[in-house]
Amino acid sequence: MWFHKKQEKKTEVKSFDRENKKPILKCSICNGEQVAGFKDIRTGKFEEVMYIRNEKDLNEFLGQYGIDRISKEY
């Protein structure tokens, strides 16, 4: 009665412009911070989506957008 079963989060697959943007994991050489987002192929502009603290965050980002591989950029 008092305890409820935790409901699993259903991750909804979000879309992005696969023709003009590519997923990038931007990494800092100095302090190791990582930010996942999308880089516009034409302009080179980076759009931050999520701060990555650990492997769980990275897997969540990949799952949200249905991404198999992501490249790192320093």
PDB file of N, CA and C in Angstrom:
ATOM      1  N   MET A   1       0.823  -1.186   0.000  1.00  0.00           N
ATOM      2  CA  MET A   1       0.000   0.000   0.000  1.00  0.00           C
ATOM      3  C   MET A   1       0.869   1.254   0.000  1.00  0.00           C
ATOM      4  N   TRP A   2       1.892   1.262   0.830  1.00  0.00           N
ATOM      5  CA  TRP A   2       2.713   2.456   0.934  1.00  0.00           C
ATOM      6  C   TRP A   2       3.820   2.497  -0.111  1.00  0.00           C
ATOM      7  N   PHE A   3       4.221   1.341  -0.542  1.00  0.00           N
ATOM      8  CA  PHE A   3       5.335   1.290  -1.479  1.00  0.00           C
ATOM      9  C   PHE A   3       4.810   1.053  -2.887  1.00  0.00           C
ATOM     10  N   HIS A   4       5.264   1.864  -3.779  1.00  0.00           N
ATOM     11  CA  HIS A   4       4.854   1.741  -5.174  1.00  0.00           C
ATOM     12  C   HIS A   4       6.033   1.261  -5.996  1.00  0.00           C
ATOM     13  N   LYS A   5       5.730   0.457  -6.967  1.00  0.00           N
ATOM     14  CA  LYS A   5       6.757  -0.025  -7.873  1.00  0.00           C
ATOM     15  C   LYS A   5       7.207   1.134  -8.763  1.00  0.00           C
ATOM     16  N   LYS A   6       8.510   1.287  -8.903  1.00  0.00           N
ATOM     17  CA  LYS A   6       9.030   2.352  -9.747  1.00  0.00           C
ATOM     18  C   LYS A   6       8.650   2.087 -11.190  1.00  0.00           C
ATOM     19  N   GLN A   7       8.149   3.107 -11.825  1.00  0.00           N
ATOM     20  CA  GLN A   7       7.802   2.965 -13.230  1.00  0.00           C
ATOM     21  C   GLN A   7       9.036   3.254 -14.068  1.00  0.00           C
ATOM     22  N   GLU A   8       9.234   2.429 -15.070  1.00  0.00           N
ATOM     23  CA  GLU A   8      10.370   2.627 -15.958  1.00  0.00           C
ATOM     24  C   GLU A   8      10.112   3.810 -16.866  1.00  0.00           C
ATOM     25  N   LYS A   9      11.171   4.571 -17.094  1.00  0.00           N
ATOM     26  CA  LYS A   9      11.056   5.695 -18.021  1.00  0.00           C
ATOM     27  C   LYS A   9      11.075   5.164 -19.435  1.00  0.00           C
ATOM     28  N   LYS A  10      10.115   5.562 -20.216  1.00  0.00           N
ATOM     29  CA  LYS A  10      10.121   5.189 -21.629  1.00  0.00           C
ATOM     30  C   LYS A  10      10.846   6.285 -22.377  1.00  0.00           C
ATOM     31  N   THR A  11      11.947   5.922 -23.005  1.00  0.00           N
ATOM     32  CA  THR A  11      12.703   6.915 -23.743  1.00  0.00           C
ATOM     33  C   THR A  11      12.098   7.071 -25.130  1.00  0.00           C
ATOM     34  N   GLU A  12      11.708   8.262 -25.403  1.00  0.00           N
ATOM     35  CA  GLU A  12      11.125   8.591 -26.690  1.00  0.00           C
ATOM     36  C   GLU A  12      12.262   8.980 -27.626  1.00  0.00           C
ATOM     37  N   VAL A  13      12.313   8.378 -28.786  1.00  0.00           N
ATOM     38  CA  VAL A  13      13.377   8.675 -29.732  1.00  0.00           C
ATOM     39  C   VAL A  13      13.094  10.025 -30.382  1.00  0.00           C
ATOM     40  N   LYS A  14      14.024  10.948 -30.164  1.00  0.00           N
ATOM     41  CA  LYS A  14      13.919  12.288 -30.742  1.00  0.00           C
ATOM     42  C   LYS A  14      14.617  12.291 -32.094  1.00  0.00           C
ATOM     43  N   SER A  15      14.254  13.241 -32.916  1.00  0.00           N
ATOM     44  CA  SER A  15      14.872  13.293 -34.237  1.00  0.00           C
ATOM     45  C   SER A  15      15.787  14.512 -34.349  1.00  0.00           C
ATOM     46  N   PHE A  16      16.700  14.426 -35.296  1.00  0.00           N
ATOM     47  CA  PHE A  16      17.569  15.549 -35.634  1.00  0.00           C
ATOM     48  C   PHE A  16      17.855  15.475 -37.122  1.00  0.00           C
ATOM     49  N   ASP A  17      18.335  16.548 -37.677  1.00  0.00           N
ATOM     50  CA  ASP A  17      18.606  16.645 -39.107  1.00  0.00           C
ATOM     51  C   ASP A  17      19.862  15.837 -39.443  1.00  0.00           C
ATOM     52  N   ARG A  18      19.668  14.605 -39.870  1.00  0.00           N
ATOM     53  CA  ARG A  18      20.787  13.706 -40.140  1.00  0.00           C
ATOM     54  C   ARG A  18      21.592  14.094 -41.383  1.00  0.00           C
ATOM     55  N   GLU A  19      21.008  14.882 -42.261  1.00  0.00           N
ATOM     56  CA  GLU A  19      21.725  15.299 -43.474  1.00  0.00           C
ATOM     57  C   GLU A  19      22.686  16.441 -43.193  1.00  0.00           C
ATOM     58  N   ASN A  20      22.310  17.366 -42.305  1.00  0.00           N
ATOM     59  CA  ASN A  20      23.108  18.567 -42.086  1.00  0.00           C
ATOM     60  C   ASN A  20      23.829  18.611 -40.748  1.00  0.00           C
ATOM     61  N   LYS A  21      23.501  17.701 -39.839  1.00  0.00           N
ATOM     62  CA  LYS A  21      24.143  17.713 -38.525  1.00  0.00           C
ATOM     63  C   LYS A  21      24.679  16.340 -38.198  1.00  0.00           C
ATOM     64  N   LYS A  22      25.793  16.340 -37.463  1.00  0.00           N
ATOM     65  CA  LYS A  22      26.360  15.058 -37.050  1.00  0.00           C
ATOM     66  C   LYS A  22      26.571  15.087 -35.532  1.00  0.00           C
ATOM     67  N   PRO A  23      26.313  13.956 -34.857  1.00  0.00           N
ATOM     68  CA  PRO A  23      26.478  13.905 -33.405  1.00  0.00           C
ATOM     69  C   PRO A  23      27.951  13.933 -33.017  1.00  0.00           C
ATOM     70  N   ILE A  24      28.262  14.758 -32.037  1.00  0.00           N
ATOM     71  CA  ILE A  24      29.637  14.950 -31.587  1.00  0.00           C
ATOM     72  C   ILE A  24      29.671  14.910 -30.058  1.00  0.00           C
ATOM     73  N   LEU A  25      30.732  14.349 -29.511  1.00  0.00           N
ATOM     74  CA  LEU A  25      31.004  14.415 -28.087  1.00  0.00           C
ATOM     75  C   LEU A  25      32.190  15.350 -27.933  1.00  0.00           C
ATOM     76  N   LYS A  26      31.945  16.555 -27.452  1.00  0.00           N
ATOM     77  CA  LYS A  26      32.991  17.559 -27.307  1.00  0.00           C
ATOM     78  C   LYS A  26      33.674  17.351 -25.963  1.00  0.00           C
ATOM     79  N   CYS A  27      34.983  17.119 -25.989  1.00  0.00           N
ATOM     80  CA  CYS A  27      35.739  16.791 -24.781  1.00  0.00           C
ATOM     81  C   CYS A  27      36.799  17.857 -24.521  1.00  0.00           C
ATOM     82  N   SER A  28      36.953  18.205 -23.256  1.00  0.00           N
ATOM     83  CA  SER A  28      37.981  19.155 -22.856  1.00  0.00           C
ATOM     84  C   SER A  28      39.250  18.399 -22.507  1.00  0.00           C
ATOM     85  N   ILE A  29      40.371  18.856 -23.015  1.00  0.00           N
ATOM     86  CA  ILE A  29      41.645  18.220 -22.719  1.00  0.00           C
ATOM     87  C   ILE A  29      42.066  18.530 -21.281  1.00  0.00           C
ATOM     88  N   CYS A  30      41.783  19.735 -20.822  1.00  0.00           N
ATOM     89  CA  CYS A  30      42.237  20.183 -19.504  1.00  0.00           C
ATOM     90  C   CYS A  30      41.565  19.456 -18.346  1.00  0.00           C
ATOM     91  N   ASN A  31      40.235  19.489 -18.320  1.00  0.00           N
ATOM     92  CA  ASN A  31      39.540  18.976 -17.141  1.00  0.00           C
ATOM     93  C   ASN A  31      38.661  17.757 -17.415  1.00  0.00           C
ATOM     94  N   GLY A  32      38.608  17.273 -18.633  1.00  0.00           N
ATOM     95  CA  GLY A  32      37.875  16.058 -18.948  1.00  0.00           C
ATOM     96  C   GLY A  32      36.377  16.211 -19.088  1.00  0.00           C
ATOM     97  N   GLU A  33      35.874  17.450 -19.069  1.00  0.00           N
ATOM     98  CA  GLU A  33      34.435  17.652 -19.243  1.00  0.00           C
ATOM     99  C   GLU A  33      34.011  17.186 -20.632  1.00  0.00           C
ATOM    100  N   GLN A  34      32.787  16.649 -20.714  1.00  0.00           N
ATOM    101  CA  GLN A  34      32.263  16.188 -21.989  1.00  0.00           C
ATOM    102  C   GLN A  34      30.852  16.731 -22.176  1.00  0.00           C
ATOM    103  N   VAL A  35      30.576  17.193 -23.403  1.00  0.00           N
ATOM    104  CA  VAL A  35      29.261  17.701 -23.757  1.00  0.00           C
ATOM    105  C   VAL A  35      28.841  17.037 -25.059  1.00  0.00           C
ATOM    106  N   ALA A  36      27.643  16.464 -25.056  1.00  0.00           N
ATOM    107  CA  ALA A  36      27.120  15.835 -26.268  1.00  0.00           C
ATOM    108  C   ALA A  36      26.221  16.821 -26.987  1.00  0.00           C
ATOM    109  N   GLY A  37      26.281  16.786 -28.307  1.00  0.00           N
ATOM    110  CA  GLY A  37      25.457  17.683 -29.098  1.00  0.00           C
ATOM    111  C   GLY A  37      25.605  17.385 -30.575  1.00  0.00           C
ATOM    112  N   PHE A  38      25.219  18.384 -31.363  1.00  0.00           N
ATOM    113  CA  PHE A  38      25.251  18.207 -32.807  1.00  0.00           C
ATOM    114  C   PHE A  38      26.027  19.343 -33.457  1.00  0.00           C
ATOM    115  N   LYS A  39      26.857  18.986 -34.435  1.00  0.00           N
ATOM    116  CA  LYS A  39      27.652  19.963 -35.171  1.00  0.00           C
ATOM    117  C   LYS A  39      27.082  20.096 -36.567  1.00  0.00           C
ATOM    118  N   ASP A  40      26.804  21.326 -36.964  1.00  0.00           N
ATOM    119  CA  ASP A  40      26.307  21.595 -38.305  1.00  0.00           C
ATOM    120  C   ASP A  40      27.449  21.365 -39.287  1.00  0.00           C
ATOM    121  N   ILE A  41      27.240  20.512 -40.252  1.00  0.00           N
ATOM    122  CA  ILE A  41      28.284  20.152 -41.211  1.00  0.00           C
ATOM    123  C   ILE A  41      28.695  21.352 -42.059  1.00  0.00           C
ATOM    124  N   ARG A  42      27.742  22.193 -42.407  1.00  0.00           N
ATOM    125  CA  ARG A  42      28.027  23.332 -43.298  1.00  0.00           C
ATOM    126  C   ARG A  42      28.702  24.492 -42.582  1.00  0.00           C
ATOM    127  N   THR A  43      28.186  24.870 -41.409  1.00  0.00           N
ATOM    128  CA  THR A  43      28.707  26.046 -40.726  1.00  0.00           C
ATOM    129  C   THR A  43      29.739  25.726 -39.655  1.00  0.00           C
ATOM    130  N   GLY A  44      29.740  24.506 -39.137  1.00  0.00           N
ATOM    131  CA  GLY A  44      30.654  24.129 -38.073  1.00  0.00           C
ATOM    132  C   GLY A  44      30.164  24.529 -36.690  1.00  0.00           C
ATOM    133  N   LYS A  45      28.966  25.098 -36.608  1.00  0.00           N
ATOM    134  CA  LYS A  45      28.412  25.535 -35.327  1.00  0.00           C
ATOM    135  C   LYS A  45      27.985  24.319 -34.505  1.00  0.00           C
ATOM    136  N   PHE A  46      28.333  24.340 -33.210  1.00  0.00           N
ATOM    137  CA  PHE A  46      28.017  23.233 -32.307  1.00  0.00           C
ATOM    138  C   PHE A  46      26.812  23.596 -31.444  1.00  0.00           C
ATOM    139  N   GLU A  47      25.843  22.701 -31.377  1.00  0.00           N
ATOM    140  CA  GLU A  47      24.640  22.887 -30.566  1.00  0.00           C
ATOM    141  C   GLU A  47      24.708  21.921 -29.385  1.00  0.00           C
ATOM    142  N   GLU A  48      24.886  22.452 -28.167  1.00  0.00           N
ATOM    143  CA  GLU A  48      24.970  21.618 -26.973  1.00  0.00           C
ATOM    144  C   GLU A  48      23.600  21.058 -26.631  1.00  0.00           C
ATOM    145  N   VAL A  49      23.562  19.772 -26.275  1.00  0.00           N
ATOM    146  CA  VAL A  49      22.305  19.139 -25.905  1.00  0.00           C
ATOM    147  C   VAL A  49      22.349  18.635 -24.471  1.00  0.00           C
ATOM    148  N   MET A  50      23.460  18.007 -24.092  1.00  0.00           N
ATOM    149  CA  MET A  50      23.507  17.351 -22.790  1.00  0.00           C
ATOM    150  C   MET A  50      24.930  17.294 -22.244  1.00  0.00           C
ATOM    151  N   TYR A  51      25.065  17.587 -20.947  1.00  0.00           N
ATOM    152  CA  TYR A  51      26.344  17.453 -20.256  1.00  0.00           C
ATOM    153  C   TYR A  51      26.518  15.985 -19.878  1.00  0.00           C
ATOM    154  N   ILE A  52      27.665  15.414 -20.210  1.00  0.00           N
ATOM    155  CA  ILE A  52      27.923  13.994 -19.961  1.00  0.00           C
ATOM    156  C   ILE A  52      28.839  13.861 -18.744  1.00  0.00           C
ATOM    157  N   ARG A  53      28.304  13.254 -17.679  1.00  0.00           N
ATOM    158  CA  ARG A  53      29.081  13.052 -16.461  1.00  0.00           C
ATOM    159  C   ARG A  53      29.631  11.638 -16.356  1.00  0.00           C
ATOM    160  N   ASN A  54      28.911  10.679 -16.954  1.00  0.00           N
ATOM    161  CA  ASN A  54      29.345   9.283 -16.851  1.00  0.00           C
ATOM    162  C   ASN A  54      28.790   8.491 -18.038  1.00  0.00           C
ATOM    163  N   GLU A  55      29.072   7.199 -18.041  1.00  0.00           N
ATOM    164  CA  GLU A  55      28.660   6.319 -19.143  1.00  0.00           C
ATOM    165  C   GLU A  55      27.134   6.245 -19.265  1.00  0.00           C
ATOM    166  N   LYS A  56      26.448   6.316 -18.137  1.00  0.00           N
ATOM    167  CA  LYS A  56      24.980   6.269 -18.133  1.00  0.00           C
ATOM    168  C   LYS A  56      24.400   7.459 -18.903  1.00  0.00           C
ATOM    169  N   ASP A  57      24.954   8.656 -18.673  1.00  0.00           N
ATOM    170  CA  ASP A  57      24.496   9.843 -19.392  1.00  0.00           C
ATOM    171  C   ASP A  57      24.725   9.704 -20.890  1.00  0.00           C
ATOM    172  N   LEU A  58      25.883   9.162 -21.259  1.00  0.00           N
ATOM    173  CA  LEU A  58      26.199   8.982 -22.679  1.00  0.00           C
ATOM    174  C   LEU A  58      25.225   8.008 -23.327  1.00  0.00           C
ATOM    175  N   ASN A  59      24.956   6.900 -22.650  1.00  0.00           N
ATOM    176  CA  ASN A  59      24.010   5.916 -23.187  1.00  0.00           C
ATOM    177  C   ASN A  59      22.605   6.496 -23.296  1.00  0.00           C
ATOM    178  N   GLU A  60      22.232   7.352 -22.352  1.00  0.00           N
ATOM    179  CA  GLU A  60      20.923   8.004 -22.401  1.00  0.00           C
ATOM    180  C   GLU A  60      20.820   8.924 -23.622  1.00  0.00           C
ATOM    181  N   PHE A  61      21.874   9.687 -23.886  1.00  0.00           N
ATOM    182  CA  PHE A  61      21.897  10.570 -25.044  1.00  0.00           C
ATOM    183  C   PHE A  61      21.807   9.770 -26.342  1.00  0.00           C
ATOM    184  N   LEU A  62      22.596   8.718 -26.433  1.00  0.00           N
ATOM    185  CA  LEU A  62      22.591   7.891 -27.638  1.00  0.00           C
ATOM    186  C   LEU A  62      21.223   7.259 -27.860  1.00  0.00           C
ATOM    187  N   GLY A  63      20.597   6.816 -26.789  1.00  0.00           N
ATOM    188  CA  GLY A  63      19.281   6.200 -26.883  1.00  0.00           C
ATOM    189  C   GLY A  63      18.183   7.187 -27.246  1.00  0.00           C
ATOM    190  N   GLN A  64      18.286   8.412 -26.723  1.00  0.00           N
ATOM    191  CA  GLN A  64      17.272   9.437 -27.010  1.00  0.00           C
ATOM    192  C   GLN A  64      17.191   9.758 -28.490  1.00  0.00           C
ATOM    193  N   TYR A  65      18.335   9.773 -29.157  1.00  0.00           N
ATOM    194  CA  TYR A  65      18.369  10.170 -30.559  1.00  0.00           C
ATOM    195  C   TYR A  65      18.582   8.994 -31.508  1.00  0.00           C
ATOM    196  N   GLY A  66      18.640   7.778 -31.004  1.00  0.00           N
ATOM    197  CA  GLY A  66      18.813   6.601 -31.849  1.00  0.00           C
ATOM    198  C   GLY A  66      20.145   6.588 -32.572  1.00  0.00           C
ATOM    199  N   ILE A  67      21.209   6.932 -31.849  1.00  0.00           N
ATOM    200  CA  ILE A  67      22.549   7.021 -32.429  1.00  0.00           C
ATOM    201  C   ILE A  67      23.337   5.769 -32.074  1.00  0.00           C
ATOM    202  N   ASP A  68      24.031   5.208 -33.070  1.00  0.00           N
ATOM    203  CA  ASP A  68      24.861   4.018 -32.835  1.00  0.00           C
ATOM    204  C   ASP A  68      26.280   4.398 -32.424  1.00  0.00           C
ATOM    205  N   ARG A  69      26.852   5.363 -33.150  1.00  0.00           N
ATOM    206  CA  ARG A  69      28.229   5.787 -32.896  1.00  0.00           C
ATOM    207  C   ARG A  69      28.289   7.298 -32.769  1.00  0.00           C
ATOM    208  N   ILE A  70      29.258   7.750 -31.993  1.00  0.00           N
ATOM    209  CA  ILE A  70      29.465   9.191 -31.827  1.00  0.00           C
ATOM    210  C   ILE A  70      30.968   9.442 -31.856  1.00  0.00           C
ATOM    211  N   SER A  71      31.375  10.509 -32.520  1.00  0.00           N
ATOM    212  CA  SER A  71      32.800  10.817 -32.583  1.00  0.00           C
ATOM    213  C   SER A  71      33.154  11.890 -31.556  1.00  0.00           C
ATOM    214  N   LYS A  72      34.403  11.835 -31.096  1.00  0.00           N
ATOM    215  CA  LYS A  72      34.883  12.802 -30.109  1.00  0.00           C
ATOM    216  C   LYS A  72      35.620  13.927 -30.825  1.00  0.00           C
ATOM    217  N   GLU A  73      35.492  15.100 -30.257  1.00  0.00           N
ATOM    218  CA  GLU A  73      36.196  16.270 -30.783  1.00  0.00           C
ATOM    219  C   GLU A  73      36.823  16.997 -29.607  1.00  0.00           C
ATOM    220  N   TYR A  74      38.085  17.375 -29.733  1.00  0.00           N
ATOM    221  CA  TYR A  74      38.795  18.039 -28.649  1.00  0.00           C
ATOM    222  C   TYR A  74      39.003  19.495 -28.927  1.00  0.00           C
TER     223      TYR A  74
END
